[in-house]
Amino acid sequence: MADIHRKAVEQVIHASLEEEAEVCGYLHVHEDAVTRVQLLLPDDTTLSRLSELFKVFGDATRIRILYVLFEEEVCVCDIATLLGMTQSAVSHQLRVLKQARLIKSRREGKTVFYSLSDDHVRTLLSNGTEHIEEE
C-alpha cells in the first residue's frame, strides 16, 4: 500500500515539474557568466522604478489612451469620446500616465492637450505590439 501511495505522489510531483520552467539536470554555476551579469545588472532602485513603470502598462484602459496619443495630440473630451468613457474616468487615467512620465500636457486657452512624452514611449508601444503579433 505504501508503494502505491509513494508512486502516486511521485507521479503528481513529476507532472507538476513538467509544467514548471526547465532546470539544469545538475548543479554547475557558470562563474564567468554570473560575474559578467552581476556587473551589468541595474541597481535595486532602478529595477523597482522599472517595475512600477511596467505596472502602469498593466491596465487596458491606459494602453488604449496611450494608443490614442500615439496617433494624435488630443484633449480629455476627445479621448472620452473615442473610448466611450466619462471625462472623469479619462482624467484619472491621464493623471496616472502623467505621474509615470509617459504623457505630457500643454494648455491652449481653456483646453489642455495631451501627447506622448517622448519617442521612448512610442518605441515601447511599437515594440510591445510587434512582440505580441509575432508568431
Protein backbone atom coordinates (compact mmCIF):
# COMPACT_ATOMS: atom_id res chain seq x y z
CA MET A 1 0.00 0.00 0.00
CA ALA A 2 2.84 2.40 0.87
CA ASP A 3 4.43 1.65 -2.52
CA ILE A 4 1.23 2.60 -4.35
CA HIS A 5 0.96 5.84 -2.37
CA ARG A 6 4.62 6.70 -2.99
CA LYS A 7 4.22 6.10 -6.76
CA ALA A 8 1.11 8.30 -6.85
CA VAL A 9 2.95 11.10 -5.07
CA GLU A 10 5.91 10.74 -7.45
CA GLN A 11 3.57 10.99 -10.45
CA VAL A 12 1.98 14.17 -9.11
CA ILE A 13 5.40 15.70 -8.42
CA HIS A 14 6.66 14.69 -11.86
CA ALA A 15 3.57 16.16 -13.55
CA SER A 16 3.92 19.46 -11.69
CA LEU A 17 7.64 19.66 -12.53
CA GLU A 18 6.84 19.29 -16.24
CA GLU A 19 4.65 22.40 -16.03
CA GLU A 20 7.43 24.48 -14.48
CA ALA A 21 10.32 26.08 -16.31
CA GLU A 22 13.10 23.74 -17.31
CA VAL A 23 16.01 23.46 -14.91
CA CYS A 24 19.54 22.21 -15.25
CA GLY A 25 19.99 18.48 -14.88
CA TYR A 26 22.89 19.09 -12.49
CA LEU A 27 24.17 21.96 -10.39
CA HIS A 28 27.00 23.84 -12.02
CA VAL A 29 27.31 27.61 -11.70
CA HIS A 30 28.99 29.28 -14.65
CA GLU A 31 31.01 31.78 -12.62
CA ASP A 32 32.19 33.83 -15.61
CA ALA A 33 28.63 34.38 -16.84
CA VAL A 34 27.37 35.19 -13.33
CA THR A 35 30.18 37.72 -12.80
CA ARG A 36 29.54 39.43 -16.16
CA VAL A 37 25.80 39.71 -15.49
CA GLN A 38 26.29 40.97 -11.92
CA LEU A 39 28.36 43.85 -13.29
CA LEU A 40 25.65 44.74 -15.80
CA LEU A 41 22.54 44.46 -13.62
CA PRO A 42 20.88 47.77 -12.75
CA ASP A 43 20.68 48.69 -9.07
CA ASP A 44 17.60 47.85 -6.99
CA THR A 45 16.20 51.38 -7.21
CA THR A 46 16.30 51.29 -11.00
CA LEU A 47 14.72 47.84 -11.10
CA SER A 48 11.98 48.96 -8.74
CA ARG A 49 11.23 52.05 -10.84
CA LEU A 50 11.14 49.91 -13.97
CA SER A 51 8.73 47.52 -12.28
CA GLU A 52 6.45 50.44 -11.37
CA LEU A 53 6.58 51.70 -14.96
CA PHE A 54 5.50 48.34 -16.33
CA LYS A 55 2.65 48.19 -13.80
CA VAL A 56 1.24 51.30 -15.46
CA PHE A 57 1.19 49.37 -18.74
CA GLY A 58 -0.80 46.62 -16.99
CA ASP A 59 -4.13 48.38 -17.48
CA ALA A 60 -6.00 48.04 -20.80
CA THR A 61 -7.65 51.46 -20.46
CA ARG A 62 -4.30 53.18 -20.06
CA ILE A 63 -2.93 51.28 -23.06
CA ARG A 64 -5.93 52.43 -25.12
CA ILE A 65 -5.29 56.03 -24.07
CA LEU A 66 -1.61 55.72 -24.94
CA TYR A 67 -2.53 54.40 -28.39
CA VAL A 68 -4.88 57.35 -28.94
CA LEU A 69 -1.99 59.65 -28.03
CA PHE A 70 0.31 57.59 -30.23
CA GLU A 71 -1.77 58.81 -33.16
CA GLU A 72 -2.70 62.34 -32.18
CA GLU A 73 -2.40 65.06 -29.57
CA VAL A 74 -5.91 65.38 -28.12
CA CYS A 75 -7.86 66.74 -25.15
CA VAL A 76 -9.79 64.86 -22.45
CA CYS A 77 -13.08 65.35 -24.32
CA ASP A 78 -11.62 63.72 -27.44
CA ILE A 79 -10.28 60.74 -25.52
CA ALA A 80 -13.58 60.29 -23.66
CA THR A 81 -15.47 60.29 -26.96
CA LEU A 82 -13.04 57.92 -28.68
CA LEU A 83 -13.06 55.40 -25.83
CA GLY A 84 -16.67 55.78 -24.71
CA MET A 85 -15.65 56.86 -21.22
CA THR A 86 -16.52 59.72 -18.90
CA GLN A 87 -14.18 62.69 -18.77
CA SER A 88 -13.68 61.97 -15.08
CA ALA A 89 -12.53 58.40 -15.75
CA VAL A 90 -10.21 59.59 -18.51
CA SER A 91 -8.77 62.32 -16.26
CA HIS A 92 -7.99 59.76 -13.57
CA GLN A 93 -6.07 57.58 -16.04
CA LEU A 94 -4.28 60.60 -17.52
CA ARG A 95 -3.10 61.52 -14.02
CA VAL A 96 -1.57 58.04 -13.59
CA LEU A 97 0.09 58.23 -17.01
CA LYS A 98 1.44 61.71 -16.30
CA GLN A 99 2.86 60.66 -12.92
CA ALA A 100 4.66 57.84 -14.73
CA ARG A 101 6.03 60.45 -17.17
CA LEU A 102 4.51 58.63 -20.13
CA ILE A 103 2.48 61.61 -21.29
CA LYS A 104 2.75 65.39 -21.20
CA SER A 105 0.25 68.19 -21.49
CA ARG A 106 0.08 71.68 -22.88
CA ARG A 107 -2.56 74.34 -22.38
CA GLU A 108 -4.08 76.29 -25.25
CA GLY A 109 -6.59 78.75 -23.84
CA LYS A 110 -9.02 76.73 -21.73
CA THR A 111 -8.15 73.44 -23.42
CA VAL A 112 -5.44 71.06 -22.23
CA PHE A 113 -3.96 68.84 -24.92
CA TYR A 114 -2.19 65.57 -24.12
CA SER A 115 0.51 63.74 -26.06
CA LEU A 116 3.12 61.04 -25.50
CA SER A 117 6.00 62.43 -23.50
CA ASP A 118 8.73 61.31 -25.90
CA ASP A 119 9.82 58.82 -28.55
CA HIS A 120 10.73 56.26 -25.87
CA VAL A 121 7.03 55.78 -25.10
CA ARG A 122 6.28 55.46 -28.80
CA THR A 123 9.03 52.83 -29.08
CA LEU A 124 7.72 50.88 -26.07
CA LEU A 125 4.25 50.73 -27.61
CA SER A 126 5.58 49.83 -31.06
CA ASN A 127 7.90 47.12 -29.74
CA GLY A 128 5.21 45.70 -27.48
CA THR A 129 2.75 45.47 -30.36
CA GLU A 130 5.36 43.92 -32.63
CA HIS A 131 6.24 41.37 -29.96
CA ILE A 132 2.67 40.16 -29.36
CA GLU A 133 1.99 39.94 -33.09
CA GLU A 134 4.95 37.59 -33.68
CA GLU A 135 4.05 34.01 -34.40
